Amino acid sequence: MTRGPAAFAAVLAVGATAASVKAYAAAEAFDPVTFFTGATHGEGRLKEAFKREKRVAVDSVGHADKDGRLLLDQKVTVEGEPVRLRHWRLREVAPGRYTGTISSATSQVEAQAMGQAIRIRYSMEGGIKVETWLTALPGGQTVQNRTSFSKWGFKVASITERIEKR
């Protein structure tokens, strides 16, 4: 039985993907305190079930307190809605593991750094579960945000956003 060029290409693609995942995971862990210290600006899109897509902009100013905890204040602008202020407090509890609070959450915030990404989870009013993936892009000045909101296990909204250091 002979294998064609497509099979060979598939094997190469799988091998390349596995190698890139290993390299990605082995990279220095994303540090939210370092990235969010100073000013950042994010722009993206909010997609809610059964509604039209809306533009989102987030201006943030962060600093580390004397204990190394990230204090992050944000101005969140969603198209067609009043501006909201949001406050994060996040501290590292073990290498790459963080806990804290966010003013819009009803639960503790839990975060885990994995290579150049960090996964953040918390709950909001109405039983909404939030999962955010922040992925540092090459150069360290930009982060890609992908957030999903779910209720009863169903995705009800998502945000994609590009965040840049100022």
C-alpha atoms as a PDB file:
ATOM      1  CA  MET A   1       0.000   0.000   0.000  1.00  0.00           C
ATOM      2  CA  THR A   2       1.470   3.367  -0.985  1.00  0.00           C
ATOM      3  CA  ARG A   3       0.862   6.613   0.802  1.00  0.00           C
ATOM      4  CA  GLY A   4       0.423   9.773  -1.225  1.00  0.00           C
ATOM      5  CA  PRO A   5       1.765  13.280  -0.713  1.00  0.00           C
ATOM      6  CA  ALA A   6      -1.333  14.271   1.301  1.00  0.00           C
ATOM      7  CA  ALA A   7      -0.630  11.596   3.922  1.00  0.00           C
ATOM      8  CA  PHE A   8       3.002  12.678   4.138  1.00  0.00           C
ATOM      9  CA  ALA A   9       1.964  16.341   4.525  1.00  0.00           C
ATOM     10  CA  ALA A  10      -0.485  15.374   7.274  1.00  0.00           C
ATOM     11  CA  VAL A  11       2.261  13.553   9.197  1.00  0.00           C
ATOM     12  CA  LEU A  12       4.550  16.579   8.847  1.00  0.00           C
ATOM     13  CA  ALA A  13       1.785  18.942   9.998  1.00  0.00           C
ATOM     14  CA  VAL A  14       1.031  16.840  13.075  1.00  0.00           C
ATOM     15  CA  GLY A  15       4.728  16.634  13.918  1.00  0.00           C
ATOM     16  CA  ALA A  16       5.192  20.385  13.473  1.00  0.00           C
ATOM     17  CA  THR A  17       2.135  21.101  15.615  1.00  0.00           C
ATOM     18  CA  ALA A  18       3.357  18.818  18.396  1.00  0.00           C
ATOM     19  CA  ALA A  19       6.780  20.481  18.326  1.00  0.00           C
ATOM     20  CA  SER A  20       5.301  23.988  18.403  1.00  0.00           C
ATOM     21  CA  VAL A  21       2.984  23.090  21.311  1.00  0.00           C
ATOM     22  CA  LYS A  22       5.964  21.747  23.287  1.00  0.00           C
ATOM     23  CA  ALA A  23       8.007  24.874  22.560  1.00  0.00           C
ATOM     24  CA  TYR A  24       5.042  27.070  23.476  1.00  0.00           C
ATOM     25  CA  ALA A  25       4.448  25.260  26.778  1.00  0.00           C
ATOM     26  CA  ALA A  26       8.158  25.406  27.622  1.00  0.00           C
ATOM     27  CA  ALA A  27       8.291  29.181  27.090  1.00  0.00           C
ATOM     28  CA  GLU A  28       8.579  31.419  30.120  1.00  0.00           C
ATOM     29  CA  ALA A  29       5.187  31.700  31.818  1.00  0.00           C
ATOM     30  CA  PHE A  30       3.024  34.709  31.034  1.00  0.00           C
ATOM     31  CA  ASP A  31       3.171  37.134  33.973  1.00  0.00           C
ATOM     32  CA  PRO A  32       0.006  39.252  34.256  1.00  0.00           C
ATOM     33  CA  VAL A  33       1.582  41.553  36.861  1.00  0.00           C
ATOM     34  CA  THR A  34       4.396  42.505  34.485  1.00  0.00           C
ATOM     35  CA  PHE A  35       2.155  42.872  31.435  1.00  0.00           C
ATOM     36  CA  PHE A  36      -0.576  44.917  33.125  1.00  0.00           C
ATOM     37  CA  THR A  37       1.757  47.219  35.093  1.00  0.00           C
ATOM     38  CA  GLY A  38       1.333  50.638  33.491  1.00  0.00           C
ATOM     39  CA  ALA A  39      -1.269  51.562  30.888  1.00  0.00           C
ATOM     40  CA  THR A  40      -2.863  49.161  28.411  1.00  0.00           C
ATOM     41  CA  HIS A  41      -5.587  49.593  25.807  1.00  0.00           C
ATOM     42  CA  GLY A  42      -7.762  46.856  24.371  1.00  0.00           C
ATOM     43  CA  GLU A  43     -10.188  46.810  21.466  1.00  0.00           C
ATOM     44  CA  GLY A  44     -12.400  43.963  20.437  1.00  0.00           C
ATOM     45  CA  ARG A  45     -15.846  42.559  19.776  1.00  0.00           C
ATOM     46  CA  LEU A  46     -18.592  41.261  22.056  1.00  0.00           C
ATOM     47  CA  LYS A  47     -20.861  38.593  20.568  1.00  0.00           C
ATOM     48  CA  GLU A  48     -23.986  37.815  22.596  1.00  0.00           C
ATOM     49  CA  ALA A  49     -26.466  35.089  21.689  1.00  0.00           C
ATOM     50  CA  PHE A  50     -29.306  36.449  19.545  1.00  0.00           C
ATOM     51  CA  LYS A  51     -27.902  40.006  19.519  1.00  0.00           C
ATOM     52  CA  ARG A  52     -25.800  42.009  17.103  1.00  0.00           C
ATOM     53  CA  GLU A  53     -22.055  42.192  17.632  1.00  0.00           C
ATOM     54  CA  LYS A  54     -20.805  45.211  19.619  1.00  0.00           C
ATOM     55  CA  ARG A  55     -17.456  46.985  19.784  1.00  0.00           C
ATOM     56  CA  VAL A  56     -15.618  46.896  23.109  1.00  0.00           C
ATOM     57  CA  ALA A  57     -12.768  49.111  24.338  1.00  0.00           C
ATOM     58  CA  VAL A  58     -10.944  48.733  27.648  1.00  0.00           C
ATOM     59  CA  ASP A  59      -8.462  51.227  29.071  1.00  0.00           C
ATOM     60  CA  SER A  60      -6.487  49.915  32.035  1.00  0.00           C
ATOM     61  CA  VAL A  61      -3.924  51.221  34.489  1.00  0.00           C
ATOM     62  CA  GLY A  62      -2.190  48.748  36.753  1.00  0.00           C
ATOM     63  CA  HIS A  63       0.534  48.581  39.345  1.00  0.00           C
ATOM     64  CA  ALA A  64       1.964  46.107  41.811  1.00  0.00           C
ATOM     65  CA  ASP A  65       1.525  46.853  45.499  1.00  0.00           C
ATOM     66  CA  LYS A  66       4.313  46.277  48.056  1.00  0.00           C
ATOM     67  CA  ASP A  67       3.339  42.584  48.283  1.00  0.00           C
ATOM     68  CA  GLY A  68       3.538  42.084  44.493  1.00  0.00           C
ATOM     69  CA  ARG A  69      -0.248  41.931  44.078  1.00  0.00           C
ATOM     70  CA  LEU A  70      -1.600  43.367  40.807  1.00  0.00           C
ATOM     71  CA  LEU A  71      -4.042  46.242  41.286  1.00  0.00           C
ATOM     72  CA  LEU A  72      -5.731  46.919  37.944  1.00  0.00           C
ATOM     73  CA  ASP A  73      -8.355  49.587  37.313  1.00  0.00           C
ATOM     74  CA  GLN A  74     -10.284  49.464  34.045  1.00  0.00           C
ATOM     75  CA  LYS A  75     -12.693  51.660  32.129  1.00  0.00           C
ATOM     76  CA  VAL A  76     -14.857  49.365  29.993  1.00  0.00           C
ATOM     77  CA  THR A  77     -16.784  50.811  27.043  1.00  0.00           C
ATOM     78  CA  VAL A  78     -19.298  48.572  25.260  1.00  0.00           C
ATOM     79  CA  GLU A  79     -20.997  50.071  22.209  1.00  0.00           C
ATOM     80  CA  GLY A  80     -24.425  51.454  23.137  1.00  0.00           C
ATOM     81  CA  GLU A  81     -23.964  50.990  26.910  1.00  0.00           C
ATOM     82  CA  PRO A  82     -22.813  53.260  29.748  1.00  0.00           C
ATOM     83  CA  VAL A  83     -19.110  53.177  30.616  1.00  0.00           C
ATOM     84  CA  ARG A  84     -18.334  50.796  33.501  1.00  0.00           C
ATOM     85  CA  LEU A  85     -15.433  50.807  35.903  1.00  0.00           C
ATOM     86  CA  ARG A  86     -13.930  47.466  36.896  1.00  0.00           C
ATOM     87  CA  HIS A  87     -11.239  46.667  39.464  1.00  0.00           C
ATOM     88  CA  TRP A  88      -8.988  43.591  39.583  1.00  0.00           C
ATOM     89  CA  ARG A  89      -6.862  42.429  42.506  1.00  0.00           C
ATOM     90  CA  LEU A  90      -4.648  39.447  41.678  1.00  0.00           C
ATOM     91  CA  ARG A  91      -1.798  37.793  43.570  1.00  0.00           C
ATOM     92  CA  GLU A  92       0.474  34.867  42.820  1.00  0.00           C
ATOM     93  CA  VAL A  93      -0.070  32.031  45.318  1.00  0.00           C
ATOM     94  CA  ALA A  94       2.297  29.502  43.699  1.00  0.00           C
ATOM     95  CA  PRO A  95       4.496  29.649  40.604  1.00  0.00           C
ATOM     96  CA  GLY A  96       2.120  30.486  37.738  1.00  0.00           C
ATOM     97  CA  ARG A  97      -1.015  30.275  39.940  1.00  0.00           C
ATOM     98  CA  TYR A  98      -3.010  33.348  40.894  1.00  0.00           C
ATOM     99  CA  THR A  99      -6.100  34.142  42.939  1.00  0.00           C
ATOM    100  CA  GLY A 100      -7.934  37.359  43.511  1.00  0.00           C
ATOM    101  CA  THR A 101     -11.035  39.404  42.919  1.00  0.00           C
ATOM    102  CA  ILE A 102     -12.728  41.389  40.188  1.00  0.00           C
ATOM    103  CA  SER A 103     -15.478  43.851  40.968  1.00  0.00           C
ATOM    104  CA  SER A 104     -17.889  42.215  38.492  1.00  0.00           C
ATOM    105  CA  ALA A 105     -17.408  38.685  39.916  1.00  0.00           C
ATOM    106  CA  THR A 106     -19.454  36.818  42.512  1.00  0.00           C
ATOM    107  CA  SER A 107     -16.684  34.278  43.130  1.00  0.00           C
ATOM    108  CA  GLN A 108     -12.961  34.305  43.672  1.00  0.00           C
ATOM    109  CA  VAL A 109     -10.865  34.655  40.522  1.00  0.00           C
ATOM    110  CA  GLU A 110      -8.595  31.678  39.782  1.00  0.00           C
ATOM    111  CA  ALA A 111      -5.841  31.903  37.171  1.00  0.00           C
ATOM    112  CA  GLN A 112      -3.189  29.512  35.870  1.00  0.00           C
ATOM    113  CA  ALA A 113      -0.293  30.481  33.591  1.00  0.00           C
ATOM    114  CA  MET A 114       0.667  27.910  30.950  1.00  0.00           C
ATOM    115  CA  GLY A 115       3.567  28.975  28.783  1.00  0.00           C
ATOM    116  CA  GLN A 116       2.712  32.251  27.094  1.00  0.00           C
ATOM    117  CA  ALA A 117      -0.977  31.974  28.039  1.00  0.00           C
ATOM    118  CA  ILE A 118      -2.993  32.330  31.194  1.00  0.00           C
ATOM    119  CA  ARG A 119      -6.465  30.934  31.869  1.00  0.00           C
ATOM    120  CA  ILE A 120      -8.681  32.977  34.191  1.00  0.00           C
ATOM    121  CA  ARG A 121     -11.969  31.676  35.625  1.00  0.00           C
ATOM    122  CA  TYR A 122     -14.687  33.202  37.792  1.00  0.00           C
ATOM    123  CA  SER A 123     -18.478  33.506  38.141  1.00  0.00           C
ATOM    124  CA  MET A 124     -20.779  36.499  37.692  1.00  0.00           C
ATOM    125  CA  GLU A 125     -24.335  37.320  38.762  1.00  0.00           C
ATOM    126  CA  GLY A 126     -27.051  35.177  37.227  1.00  0.00           C
ATOM    127  CA  GLY A 127     -24.969  31.999  37.267  1.00  0.00           C
ATOM    128  CA  ILE A 128     -22.715  33.141  34.422  1.00  0.00           C
ATOM    129  CA  LYS A 129     -19.355  31.315  34.303  1.00  0.00           C
ATOM    130  CA  VAL A 130     -16.468  33.198  32.718  1.00  0.00           C
ATOM    131  CA  GLU A 131     -13.349  31.685  31.175  1.00  0.00           C
ATOM    132  CA  THR A 132     -10.685  33.982  29.748  1.00  0.00           C
ATOM    133  CA  TRP A 133      -7.571  32.974  27.847  1.00  0.00           C
ATOM    134  CA  LEU A 134      -4.912  35.674  27.542  1.00  0.00           C
ATOM    135  CA  THR A 135      -2.131  34.774  25.126  1.00  0.00           C
ATOM    136  CA  ALA A 136       1.035  36.872  24.854  1.00  0.00           C
ATOM    137  CA  LEU A 137       2.035  37.556  21.263  1.00  0.00           C
ATOM    138  CA  PRO A 138       5.689  37.742  20.133  1.00  0.00           C
ATOM    139  CA  GLY A 139       7.442  40.866  21.402  1.00  0.00           C
ATOM    140  CA  GLY A 140       5.626  40.924  24.743  1.00  0.00           C
ATOM    141  CA  GLN A 141       3.721  44.159  24.056  1.00  0.00           C
ATOM    142  CA  THR A 142       0.429  42.619  22.914  1.00  0.00           C
ATOM    143  CA  VAL A 143      -1.964  40.055  24.359  1.00  0.00           C
ATOM    144  CA  GLN A 144      -4.869  38.308  22.630  1.00  0.00           C
ATOM    145  CA  ASN A 145      -7.954  37.932  24.853  1.00  0.00           C
ATOM    146  CA  ARG A 146     -10.577  35.271  24.174  1.00  0.00           C
ATOM    147  CA  THR A 147     -13.315  35.198  26.788  1.00  0.00           C
ATOM    148  CA  SER A 148     -16.416  33.026  26.845  1.00  0.00           C
ATOM    149  CA  PHE A 149     -19.451  33.391  29.063  1.00  0.00           C
ATOM    150  CA  SER A 150     -21.632  30.351  29.724  1.00  0.00           C
ATOM    151  CA  LYS A 151     -24.771  29.514  31.643  1.00  0.00           C
ATOM    152  CA  TRP A 152     -25.975  25.971  32.359  1.00  0.00           C
ATOM    153  CA  GLY A 153     -23.079  24.764  30.207  1.00  0.00           C
ATOM    154  CA  PHE A 154     -24.147  26.744  27.123  1.00  0.00           C
ATOM    155  CA  LYS A 155     -22.065  29.550  25.654  1.00  0.00           C
ATOM    156  CA  VAL A 156     -24.115  32.770  25.815  1.00  0.00           C
ATOM    157  CA  ALA A 157     -21.482  35.339  24.809  1.00  0.00           C
ATOM    158  CA  SER A 158     -17.856  35.775  23.834  1.00  0.00           C
ATOM    159  CA  ILE A 159     -15.285  38.518  23.545  1.00  0.00           C
ATOM    160  CA  THR A 160     -12.244  38.645  21.301  1.00  0.00           C
ATOM    161  CA  GLU A 161      -9.887  41.502  22.066  1.00  0.00           C
ATOM    162  CA  ARG A 162      -6.367  42.671  21.311  1.00  0.00           C
ATOM    163  CA  ILE A 163      -4.688  44.354  24.302  1.00  0.00           C
ATOM    164  CA  GLU A 164      -1.593  46.520  23.829  1.00  0.00           C
ATOM    165  CA  LYS A 165       0.788  48.145  26.297  1.00  0.00           C
ATOM    166  CA  ARG A 166       0.864  51.945  26.074  1.00  0.00           C
END
